[in-house]
């Protein structure tokens, strides 16, 4: 019984010492079972570097600018609401973090029509800028037949990309909020 009490006290002291060491060093123990995050989106640039977004939906257009405090505003207009600013920041982040489900190269697309993918008249187009330089131009088309993904193309590329639907939905939500005004 005495040995058991001694081992319990030693284990408690070791656990307490480990916690104190973690507090002093500020480091969390490395979780070996977790895979380190690696952004695999179509935009390699850090999302915080995007300073301008040009949205087009049909004839409607909006230019959105990142303000010095990290929020967003309509060019020549007012600041976006906090909710809309978060949606836009999330949509920009998706371009960095969300990878394509599938990339169909031009050879695979022989015999198809851009209309099959809804890309002849895109639902939404946008261009992301870092400072004054365009970084990424995107055109979102139709949803796939299963309605789980959406077709898109990038400026300067002939591939058709199948992207998770949530990415296009976030952009369409931003466009709906900004272009409806």
N, C-alpha and C. Protein backbone atom coordinates (compact mmCIF):
# COMPACT_ATOMS: atom_id res chain seq x y z
N UNK A 1 0.82 -1.19 0.00
CA UNK A 1 0.00 0.00 0.00
C UNK A 1 0.86 1.25 0.00
N UNK A 2 1.98 1.22 0.78
CA UNK A 2 2.87 2.35 0.87
C UNK A 2 3.56 2.61 -0.47
N UNK A 3 3.97 1.50 -1.16
CA UNK A 3 4.59 1.61 -2.49
C UNK A 3 3.63 2.24 -3.49
N UNK A 4 2.38 1.83 -3.44
CA UNK A 4 1.38 2.36 -4.38
C UNK A 4 1.19 3.87 -4.16
N UNK A 5 1.13 4.32 -2.94
CA UNK A 5 1.00 5.74 -2.62
C UNK A 5 2.22 6.52 -3.11
N UNK A 6 3.40 5.92 -2.91
CA UNK A 6 4.64 6.57 -3.36
C UNK A 6 4.65 6.73 -4.88
N UNK A 7 4.26 5.67 -5.63
CA UNK A 7 4.23 5.75 -7.11
C UNK A 7 3.20 6.75 -7.60
N UNK A 8 2.07 6.81 -6.93
CA UNK A 8 1.04 7.79 -7.31
C UNK A 8 1.55 9.21 -7.10
N UNK A 9 2.22 9.43 -5.98
CA UNK A 9 2.77 10.77 -5.70
C UNK A 9 3.85 11.14 -6.71
N UNK A 10 4.71 10.17 -7.07
CA UNK A 10 5.76 10.42 -8.07
C UNK A 10 5.15 10.72 -9.44
N UNK A 11 4.12 10.01 -9.82
CA UNK A 11 3.46 10.25 -11.12
C UNK A 11 2.82 11.63 -11.13
N UNK A 12 2.19 12.00 -10.02
CA UNK A 12 1.56 13.33 -9.94
C UNK A 12 2.63 14.42 -10.00
N UNK A 13 3.75 14.21 -9.33
CA UNK A 13 4.84 15.20 -9.36
C UNK A 13 5.43 15.31 -10.77
N UNK A 14 5.59 14.19 -11.46
CA UNK A 14 6.13 14.22 -12.83
C UNK A 14 5.16 14.94 -13.76
N UNK A 15 3.86 14.67 -13.62
CA UNK A 15 2.86 15.36 -14.46
C UNK A 15 2.87 16.85 -14.18
N UNK A 16 2.98 17.21 -12.90
CA UNK A 16 3.02 18.63 -12.54
C UNK A 16 4.28 19.29 -13.11
N UNK A 17 5.41 18.62 -13.03
CA UNK A 17 6.67 19.17 -13.57
C UNK A 17 6.57 19.35 -15.09
N UNK A 18 5.92 18.38 -15.76
CA UNK A 18 5.73 18.50 -17.22
C UNK A 18 4.88 19.72 -17.55
N UNK A 19 3.80 19.92 -16.80
CA UNK A 19 2.95 21.09 -17.03
C UNK A 19 3.71 22.39 -16.79
N UNK A 20 4.50 22.44 -15.74
CA UNK A 20 5.29 23.64 -15.45
C UNK A 20 6.28 23.90 -16.58
N UNK A 21 6.93 22.84 -17.06
CA UNK A 21 7.88 22.99 -18.18
C UNK A 21 7.17 23.52 -19.43
N UNK A 22 5.95 23.04 -19.69
CA UNK A 22 5.19 23.52 -20.85
C UNK A 22 4.83 24.99 -20.70
N UNK A 23 4.44 25.39 -19.49
CA UNK A 23 4.08 26.79 -19.26
C UNK A 23 5.29 27.69 -19.43
N UNK A 24 6.41 27.26 -18.87
CA UNK A 24 7.63 28.07 -18.95
C UNK A 24 8.13 28.15 -20.39
N UNK A 25 8.15 27.02 -21.10
CA UNK A 25 8.66 27.04 -22.48
C UNK A 25 7.64 27.59 -23.47
N UNK A 26 6.37 27.56 -23.13
CA UNK A 26 5.33 28.06 -24.03
C UNK A 26 5.03 27.11 -25.17
N UNK A 27 5.57 25.94 -25.14
CA UNK A 27 5.37 24.99 -26.25
C UNK A 27 4.36 23.92 -25.89
N UNK A 28 3.55 23.60 -26.85
CA UNK A 28 2.62 22.49 -26.69
C UNK A 28 3.33 21.22 -27.13
N UNK A 29 2.96 20.10 -26.56
CA UNK A 29 3.59 18.86 -27.03
C UNK A 29 3.18 18.61 -28.48
N UNK A 30 4.12 18.11 -29.26
CA UNK A 30 3.82 17.83 -30.67
C UNK A 30 2.89 16.64 -30.76
N UNK A 31 1.83 16.82 -31.52
CA UNK A 31 0.87 15.74 -31.71
C UNK A 31 1.27 14.96 -32.96
N UNK A 32 1.86 13.83 -32.77
CA UNK A 32 2.37 13.07 -33.91
C UNK A 32 1.25 12.48 -34.78
N UNK A 33 0.07 12.32 -34.19
CA UNK A 33 -1.01 11.75 -34.98
C UNK A 33 -1.65 12.76 -35.90
N UNK A 34 -1.38 14.04 -35.71
CA UNK A 34 -1.96 15.06 -36.56
C UNK A 34 -1.04 15.37 -37.73
N UNK A 35 -1.62 15.54 -38.88
CA UNK A 35 -0.86 15.90 -40.07
C UNK A 35 -0.74 17.42 -40.10
N UNK A 36 0.46 17.91 -40.34
CA UNK A 36 0.66 19.35 -40.41
C UNK A 36 -0.11 19.92 -41.58
N UNK A 37 -0.69 21.10 -41.35
CA UNK A 37 -1.46 21.75 -42.39
C UNK A 37 -0.55 22.24 -43.50
N UNK A 38 -0.97 22.01 -44.70
CA UNK A 38 -0.24 22.52 -45.87
C UNK A 38 -1.29 23.03 -46.85
N UNK A 39 -1.22 24.32 -47.16
CA UNK A 39 -2.18 24.92 -48.09
C UNK A 39 -1.97 24.33 -49.48
N UNK A 40 -3.05 23.81 -50.07
CA UNK A 40 -2.95 23.21 -51.40
C UNK A 40 -3.96 23.82 -52.35
N UNK A 41 -4.28 25.08 -52.12
CA UNK A 41 -5.22 25.76 -52.97
C UNK A 41 -4.62 26.17 -54.30
N UNK A 42 -5.42 26.80 -55.13
CA UNK A 42 -4.95 27.20 -56.45
C UNK A 42 -4.18 28.52 -56.41
N UNK A 43 -4.28 29.24 -55.30
CA UNK A 43 -3.53 30.48 -55.14
C UNK A 43 -2.42 30.24 -54.12
N UNK A 44 -1.19 30.42 -54.53
CA UNK A 44 -0.06 30.15 -53.63
C UNK A 44 0.23 31.32 -52.70
N UNK A 45 -0.22 32.49 -53.06
CA UNK A 45 0.04 33.69 -52.26
C UNK A 45 -0.77 33.64 -50.96
N UNK A 46 -0.18 34.15 -49.88
CA UNK A 46 -0.90 34.21 -48.60
C UNK A 46 -2.14 35.08 -48.76
N UNK A 47 -3.28 34.65 -48.26
CA UNK A 47 -4.54 35.40 -48.42
C UNK A 47 -4.48 36.83 -47.91
N UNK A 48 -3.69 37.07 -46.86
CA UNK A 48 -3.60 38.42 -46.30
C UNK A 48 -2.94 39.41 -47.27
N UNK A 49 -2.26 38.91 -48.27
CA UNK A 49 -1.60 39.79 -49.25
C UNK A 49 -2.57 40.32 -50.30
N UNK A 50 -3.76 39.73 -50.38
CA UNK A 50 -4.75 40.20 -51.36
C UNK A 50 -5.33 41.52 -50.86
N UNK A 51 -5.20 42.54 -51.69
CA UNK A 51 -5.63 43.87 -51.28
C UNK A 51 -6.80 44.40 -52.10
N UNK A 52 -7.12 43.73 -53.19
CA UNK A 52 -8.19 44.21 -54.06
C UNK A 52 -8.88 43.00 -54.69
N UNK A 53 -10.20 43.08 -54.79
CA UNK A 53 -11.00 42.03 -55.42
C UNK A 53 -11.97 42.71 -56.38
N UNK A 54 -11.95 42.25 -57.62
CA UNK A 54 -12.93 42.74 -58.58
C UNK A 54 -13.91 41.62 -58.88
N UNK A 55 -15.18 41.86 -58.59
CA UNK A 55 -16.25 40.87 -58.77
C UNK A 55 -17.11 41.26 -59.96
N UNK A 56 -17.48 40.27 -60.76
CA UNK A 56 -18.40 40.50 -61.88
C UNK A 56 -19.44 39.39 -61.84
N UNK A 57 -20.68 39.79 -61.94
CA UNK A 57 -21.77 38.82 -62.07
C UNK A 57 -22.75 39.42 -63.08
N UNK A 58 -22.73 38.84 -64.28
CA UNK A 58 -23.53 39.43 -65.35
C UNK A 58 -23.00 40.81 -65.66
N UNK A 59 -23.87 41.80 -65.65
CA UNK A 59 -23.49 43.18 -65.94
C UNK A 59 -23.04 43.93 -64.68
N UNK A 60 -23.25 43.31 -63.53
CA UNK A 60 -22.92 43.99 -62.27
C UNK A 60 -21.45 43.79 -61.91
N UNK A 61 -20.86 44.83 -61.34
CA UNK A 61 -19.44 44.78 -60.99
C UNK A 61 -19.22 45.52 -59.68
N UNK A 62 -18.27 45.03 -58.90
CA UNK A 62 -17.87 45.72 -57.67
C UNK A 62 -16.37 45.57 -57.49
N UNK A 63 -15.75 46.61 -56.99
CA UNK A 63 -14.33 46.57 -56.63
C UNK A 63 -14.25 46.73 -55.13
N UNK A 64 -13.62 45.75 -54.49
CA UNK A 64 -13.52 45.73 -53.03
C UNK A 64 -12.05 45.89 -52.65
N UNK A 65 -11.81 46.75 -51.67
CA UNK A 65 -10.44 47.05 -51.25
C UNK A 65 -10.26 46.70 -49.78
N UNK A 66 -9.10 46.12 -49.49
CA UNK A 66 -8.78 45.82 -48.08
C UNK A 66 -8.30 47.13 -47.44
N UNK A 67 -8.87 47.45 -46.32
CA UNK A 67 -8.49 48.67 -45.62
C UNK A 67 -7.26 48.43 -44.74
N UNK A 68 -6.69 49.49 -44.23
CA UNK A 68 -5.46 49.36 -43.43
C UNK A 68 -5.68 48.55 -42.16
N UNK A 69 -6.92 48.49 -41.68
CA UNK A 69 -7.20 47.70 -40.47
C UNK A 69 -7.60 46.26 -40.78
N UNK A 70 -7.48 45.86 -42.06
CA UNK A 70 -7.76 44.48 -42.44
C UNK A 70 -9.19 44.21 -42.84
N UNK A 71 -10.05 45.19 -42.74
CA UNK A 71 -11.43 45.02 -43.16
C UNK A 71 -11.54 45.30 -44.66
N UNK A 72 -12.75 45.28 -45.17
CA UNK A 72 -12.97 45.49 -46.61
C UNK A 72 -13.95 46.62 -46.81
N UNK A 73 -13.77 47.33 -47.94
CA UNK A 73 -14.68 48.43 -48.30
C UNK A 73 -14.90 48.40 -49.80
N UNK A 74 -16.03 48.93 -50.20
CA UNK A 74 -16.32 49.08 -51.63
C UNK A 74 -15.55 50.30 -52.12
N UNK A 75 -14.89 50.17 -53.26
CA UNK A 75 -14.13 51.30 -53.80
C UNK A 75 -15.08 52.49 -54.00
N UNK A 76 -14.69 53.61 -53.43
CA UNK A 76 -15.49 54.82 -53.54
C UNK A 76 -16.76 54.78 -52.72
N UNK A 77 -16.89 53.80 -51.85
CA UNK A 77 -18.11 53.66 -51.06
C UNK A 77 -17.82 53.38 -49.61
N UNK A 78 -18.72 52.70 -48.99
CA UNK A 78 -18.61 52.46 -47.56
C UNK A 78 -17.95 51.12 -47.27
N UNK A 79 -17.62 50.96 -46.00
CA UNK A 79 -17.03 49.70 -45.54
C UNK A 79 -18.08 48.60 -45.60
N UNK A 80 -17.60 47.37 -45.85
CA UNK A 80 -18.51 46.24 -45.80
C UNK A 80 -18.87 45.97 -44.35
N UNK A 81 -20.02 45.37 -44.14
CA UNK A 81 -20.39 44.98 -42.78
C UNK A 81 -19.35 43.97 -42.28
N UNK A 82 -19.27 43.83 -40.97
CA UNK A 82 -18.30 42.88 -40.41
C UNK A 82 -18.57 41.48 -40.93
N UNK A 83 -19.84 41.11 -41.02
CA UNK A 83 -20.18 39.77 -41.52
C UNK A 83 -19.76 39.59 -42.98
N UNK A 84 -20.02 40.60 -43.81
CA UNK A 84 -19.66 40.49 -45.23
C UNK A 84 -18.14 40.51 -45.40
N UNK A 85 -17.45 41.30 -44.59
CA UNK A 85 -16.00 41.32 -44.63
C UNK A 85 -15.40 39.97 -44.28
N UNK A 86 -16.00 39.29 -43.28
CA UNK A 86 -15.52 37.95 -42.91
C UNK A 86 -15.77 36.96 -44.04
N UNK A 87 -16.93 37.08 -44.68
CA UNK A 87 -17.23 36.18 -45.81
C UNK A 87 -16.22 36.38 -46.94
N UNK A 88 -15.91 37.62 -47.24
CA UNK A 88 -14.95 37.89 -48.30
C UNK A 88 -13.56 37.37 -47.93
N UNK A 89 -13.14 37.62 -46.70
CA UNK A 89 -11.83 37.12 -46.27
C UNK A 89 -11.78 35.59 -46.33
N UNK A 90 -12.89 34.94 -45.95
CA UNK A 90 -12.95 33.48 -46.00
C UNK A 90 -12.90 32.99 -47.45
N UNK A 91 -13.63 33.67 -48.33
CA UNK A 91 -13.62 33.28 -49.74
C UNK A 91 -12.21 33.41 -50.32
N UNK A 92 -11.51 34.48 -49.98
CA UNK A 92 -10.12 34.65 -50.44
C UNK A 92 -9.24 33.54 -49.87
N UNK A 93 -9.45 33.22 -48.61
CA UNK A 93 -8.65 32.17 -47.97
C UNK A 93 -8.88 30.82 -48.64
N UNK A 94 -10.12 30.55 -49.04
CA UNK A 94 -10.41 29.28 -49.72
C UNK A 94 -9.56 29.11 -50.98
N UNK A 95 -9.26 30.21 -51.66
CA UNK A 95 -8.46 30.10 -52.87
C UNK A 95 -7.05 29.63 -52.55
N UNK A 96 -6.61 29.84 -51.32
CA UNK A 96 -5.29 29.41 -50.88
C UNK A 96 -5.31 28.01 -50.27
N UNK A 97 -6.42 27.65 -49.64
CA UNK A 97 -6.45 26.40 -48.88
C UNK A 97 -7.22 25.27 -49.54
N UNK A 98 -8.21 25.58 -50.35
CA UNK A 98 -9.06 24.53 -50.94
C UNK A 98 -8.46 24.08 -52.27
N UNK A 99 -8.09 22.85 -52.33
CA UNK A 99 -7.53 22.30 -53.56
C UNK A 99 -8.61 21.77 -54.48
N UNK A 100 -8.31 21.70 -55.77
CA UNK A 100 -9.29 21.17 -56.71
C UNK A 100 -9.58 19.70 -56.45
N UNK A 101 -10.81 19.31 -56.76
CA UNK A 101 -11.16 17.89 -56.71
C UNK A 101 -10.54 17.19 -57.92
N UNK A 102 -10.62 17.87 -59.04
CA UNK A 102 -10.08 17.30 -60.28
C UNK A 102 -9.73 18.43 -61.23
N UNK A 103 -8.65 18.25 -61.99
CA UNK A 103 -8.26 19.20 -63.03
C UNK A 103 -8.33 18.46 -64.36
N UNK A 104 -9.23 18.95 -65.22
CA UNK A 104 -9.39 18.33 -66.54
C UNK A 104 -8.55 19.12 -67.54
N UNK A 105 -7.55 18.46 -68.10
CA UNK A 105 -6.65 19.12 -69.05
C UNK A 105 -7.30 19.21 -70.42
N UNK A 106 -6.77 20.11 -71.27
CA UNK A 106 -7.40 20.32 -72.58
C UNK A 106 -7.60 19.04 -73.39
N UNK A 107 -6.69 18.09 -73.32
CA UNK A 107 -6.84 16.84 -74.07
C UNK A 107 -8.09 16.08 -73.63
N UNK A 108 -8.42 16.15 -72.34
CA UNK A 108 -9.61 15.47 -71.83
C UNK A 108 -10.89 16.17 -72.27
N UNK A 109 -10.76 17.43 -72.65
CA UNK A 109 -11.94 18.23 -72.95
C UNK A 109 -12.29 18.22 -74.45
N UNK A 110 -11.50 17.49 -75.26
CA UNK A 110 -11.83 17.41 -76.70
C UNK A 110 -13.25 16.88 -76.86
N UNK A 111 -13.99 17.55 -77.72
CA UNK A 111 -15.36 17.12 -77.98
C UNK A 111 -16.38 17.67 -77.01
N UNK A 112 -15.93 18.44 -76.04
CA UNK A 112 -16.89 19.04 -75.11
C UNK A 112 -17.07 20.51 -75.47
N UNK A 113 -18.09 21.08 -74.95
CA UNK A 113 -18.40 22.48 -75.19
C UNK A 113 -18.33 23.20 -73.85
N UNK A 114 -17.74 24.41 -73.81
CA UNK A 114 -17.71 25.14 -72.53
C UNK A 114 -19.10 25.30 -71.91
N UNK A 115 -20.13 25.27 -72.77
CA UNK A 115 -21.50 25.38 -72.28
C UNK A 115 -21.85 24.20 -71.37
N UNK A 116 -21.23 23.02 -71.64
CA UNK A 116 -21.48 21.84 -70.81
C UNK A 116 -21.09 22.09 -69.35
N UNK A 117 -20.15 23.00 -69.14
CA UNK A 117 -19.66 23.29 -67.79
C UNK A 117 -20.18 24.63 -67.27
N UNK A 118 -21.03 25.27 -68.05
CA UNK A 118 -21.57 26.57 -67.64
C UNK A 118 -20.53 27.68 -67.70
N UNK A 119 -19.48 27.44 -68.48
CA UNK A 119 -18.40 28.43 -68.53
C UNK A 119 -18.51 29.39 -69.71
N UNK A 120 -19.48 29.15 -70.61
CA UNK A 120 -19.67 30.09 -71.72
C UNK A 120 -20.25 31.41 -71.20
N UNK A 121 -21.06 31.34 -70.17
CA UNK A 121 -21.56 32.53 -69.47
C UNK A 121 -21.40 32.25 -67.98
N UNK A 122 -20.23 32.53 -67.43
CA UNK A 122 -19.96 32.18 -66.03
C UNK A 122 -20.98 32.80 -65.06
N UNK A 123 -21.23 32.05 -64.00
CA UNK A 123 -22.12 32.56 -62.94
C UNK A 123 -21.49 33.72 -62.21
N UNK A 124 -20.16 33.65 -62.09
CA UNK A 124 -19.43 34.67 -61.33
C UNK A 124 -17.97 34.67 -61.80
N UNK A 125 -17.41 35.84 -61.96
CA UNK A 125 -15.97 35.96 -62.22
C UNK A 125 -15.39 36.92 -61.19
N UNK A 126 -14.14 36.69 -60.86
CA UNK A 126 -13.46 37.63 -59.97
C UNK A 126 -11.97 37.58 -60.23
N UNK A 127 -11.31 38.67 -59.90
CA UNK A 127 -9.86 38.77 -60.00
C UNK A 127 -9.34 39.26 -58.65
N UNK A 128 -8.30 38.59 -58.17
CA UNK A 128 -7.65 38.97 -56.92
C UNK A 128 -6.35 39.70 -57.24
N UNK A 129 -6.09 40.76 -56.52
CA UNK A 129 -4.89 41.57 -56.73
C UNK A 129 -4.09 41.66 -55.44
N UNK A 130 -2.77 41.64 -55.59
CA UNK A 130 -1.85 41.96 -54.49
C UNK A 130 -1.22 43.28 -54.90
N UNK A 131 -1.50 44.32 -54.15
CA UNK A 131 -1.14 45.67 -54.55
C UNK A 131 -1.84 45.94 -55.90
N UNK A 132 -1.12 46.31 -56.92
CA UNK A 132 -1.78 46.59 -58.20
C UNK A 132 -1.67 45.41 -59.17
N UNK A 133 -1.02 44.34 -58.76
CA UNK A 133 -0.77 43.21 -59.65
C UNK A 133 -1.87 42.15 -59.56
N UNK A 134 -2.45 41.77 -60.70
CA UNK A 134 -3.43 40.66 -60.65
C UNK A 134 -2.72 39.37 -60.28
N UNK A 135 -3.31 38.65 -59.36
CA UNK A 135 -2.74 37.39 -58.87
C UNK A 135 -3.49 36.19 -59.44
N UNK A 136 -4.81 36.30 -59.49
CA UNK A 136 -5.62 35.15 -59.87
C UNK A 136 -6.95 35.65 -60.44
N UNK A 137 -7.29 35.15 -61.62
CA UNK A 137 -8.60 35.43 -62.22
C UNK A 137 -9.38 34.13 -62.32
N UNK A 138 -10.61 34.12 -61.85
CA UNK A 138 -11.41 32.89 -61.75
C UNK A 138 -12.78 33.11 -62.36
N UNK A 139 -13.28 32.09 -63.06
CA UNK A 139 -14.64 32.08 -63.59
C UNK A 139 -15.33 30.82 -63.07
N UNK A 140 -16.43 31.00 -62.35
CA UNK A 140 -17.20 29.86 -61.85
C UNK A 140 -18.34 29.58 -62.81
N UNK A 141 -18.51 28.31 -63.15
CA UNK A 141 -19.58 27.89 -64.04
C UNK A 141 -20.66 27.13 -63.30
N UNK A 142 -21.14 26.08 -63.95
CA UNK A 142 -22.26 25.29 -63.42
C UNK A 142 -21.79 24.33 -62.32
N UNK A 143 -22.76 23.79 -61.61
CA UNK A 143 -22.49 22.73 -60.65
C UNK A 143 -22.41 21.41 -61.40
N UNK A 144 -21.71 20.46 -60.83
CA UNK A 144 -21.64 19.14 -61.47
C UNK A 144 -23.00 18.44 -61.31
N UNK A 145 -23.24 17.36 -62.05
CA UNK A 145 -24.55 16.70 -61.98
C UNK A 145 -24.94 16.22 -60.57
N UNK A 146 -23.97 15.88 -59.75
CA UNK A 146 -24.27 15.45 -58.38
C UNK A 146 -24.53 16.62 -57.44
N UNK A 147 -24.27 17.82 -57.93
CA UNK A 147 -24.48 19.06 -57.18
C UNK A 147 -23.59 19.15 -55.94
N UNK A 148 -22.40 18.55 -56.03
CA UNK A 148 -21.47 18.60 -54.92
C UNK A 148 -20.25 19.46 -55.21
N UNK A 149 -20.07 19.80 -56.48
CA UNK A 149 -18.89 20.56 -56.89
C UNK A 149 -19.29 21.55 -57.98
N UNK A 150 -18.35 22.40 -58.34
CA UNK A 150 -18.63 23.44 -59.33
C UNK A 150 -17.44 23.54 -60.28
N UNK A 151 -17.75 23.76 -61.55
CA UNK A 151 -16.70 23.90 -62.55
C UNK A 151 -16.15 25.32 -62.51
N UNK A 152 -14.86 25.45 -62.75
CA UNK A 152 -14.26 26.77 -62.81
C UNK A 152 -13.04 26.73 -63.72
N UNK A 153 -12.66 27.89 -64.21
CA UNK A 153 -11.44 28.03 -64.98
C UNK A 153 -10.65 29.21 -64.43
N UNK A 154 -9.38 29.22 -64.76
CA UNK A 154 -8.49 30.29 -64.33
C UNK A 154 -8.02 31.07 -65.54
N UNK A 155 -7.85 32.35 -65.38
CA UNK A 155 -7.32 33.17 -66.47
C UNK A 155 -5.95 32.62 -66.88
N UNK A 156 -5.74 32.53 -68.19
CA UNK A 156 -4.46 32.07 -68.70
C UNK A 156 -4.30 30.57 -68.73
N UNK A 157 -5.33 29.82 -68.36
CA UNK A 157 -5.26 28.36 -68.37
C UNK A 157 -6.44 27.81 -69.17
N UNK A 158 -6.25 26.68 -69.81
CA UNK A 158 -7.33 26.06 -70.57
C UNK A 158 -7.95 24.88 -69.83
N UNK A 159 -7.41 24.55 -68.67
CA UNK A 159 -7.95 23.45 -67.87
C UNK A 159 -9.33 23.84 -67.34
N UNK A 160 -10.14 22.84 -67.10
CA UNK A 160 -11.38 23.04 -66.36
C UNK A 160 -11.19 22.36 -65.01
N UNK A 161 -11.45 23.10 -63.97
CA UNK A 161 -11.22 22.61 -62.62
C UNK A 161 -12.56 22.29 -61.98
N UNK A 162 -12.62 21.16 -61.31
CA UNK A 162 -13.79 20.81 -60.52
C UNK A 162 -13.45 21.12 -59.06
N UNK A 163 -14.14 22.10 -58.52
CA UNK A 163 -13.84 22.59 -57.17
C UNK A 163 -15.01 22.28 -56.24
N UNK A 164 -14.70 22.01 -54.99
CA UNK A 164 -15.78 21.77 -54.01
C UNK A 164 -16.77 22.93 -54.04
N UNK A 165 -18.02 22.57 -53.92
CA UNK A 165 -19.08 23.56 -54.10
C UNK A 165 -19.03 24.68 -53.06
N UNK A 166 -18.54 24.38 -51.86
CA UNK A 166 -18.55 25.40 -50.81
C UNK A 166 -17.70 26.62 -51.19
N UNK A 167 -16.71 26.42 -52.03
CA UNK A 167 -15.85 27.54 -52.45
C UNK A 167 -16.67 28.52 -53.29
N UNK A 168 -17.33 28.00 -54.31
CA UNK A 168 -18.17 28.85 -55.16
C UNK A 168 -19.33 29.47 -54.40
N UNK A 169 -19.90 28.70 -53.47
CA UNK A 169 -21.01 29.23 -52.67
C UNK A 169 -20.58 30.44 -51.85
N UNK A 170 -19.37 30.38 -51.29
CA UNK A 170 -18.90 31.51 -50.48
C UNK A 170 -18.74 32.75 -51.36
N UNK A 171 -18.17 32.55 -52.56
CA UNK A 171 -18.01 33.69 -53.48
C UNK A 171 -19.35 34.22 -53.94
N UNK A 172 -20.29 33.34 -54.23
CA UNK A 172 -21.62 33.78 -54.66
C UNK A 172 -22.35 34.50 -53.53
N UNK A 173 -22.10 34.07 -52.31
CA UNK A 173 -22.69 34.76 -51.16
C UNK A 173 -22.15 36.18 -51.05
N UNK A 174 -20.85 36.33 -51.25
CA UNK A 174 -20.25 37.67 -51.22
C UNK A 174 -20.83 38.52 -52.35
N UNK A 175 -20.88 37.94 -53.55
CA UNK A 175 -21.41 38.70 -54.70
C UNK A 175 -22.86 39.09 -54.45
N UNK A 176 -23.64 38.17 -53.89
CA UNK A 176 -25.04 38.48 -53.60
C UNK A 176 -25.19 39.63 -52.61
N UNK A 177 -24.30 39.67 -51.64
CA UNK A 177 -24.37 40.73 -50.63
C UNK A 177 -23.84 42.07 -51.13
N UNK A 178 -22.82 42.01 -51.96
CA UNK A 178 -22.17 43.25 -52.41
C UNK A 178 -22.86 43.82 -53.65
N UNK A 179 -23.22 42.95 -54.59
CA UNK A 179 -23.77 43.42 -55.85
C UNK A 179 -25.26 43.71 -55.79
N UNK A 180 -25.92 43.28 -54.73
CA UNK A 180 -27.36 43.51 -54.60
C UNK A 180 -27.66 44.96 -54.28
N UNK A 181 -26.65 45.69 -53.79
CA UNK A 181 -26.89 47.07 -53.38
C UNK A 181 -26.98 48.00 -54.56
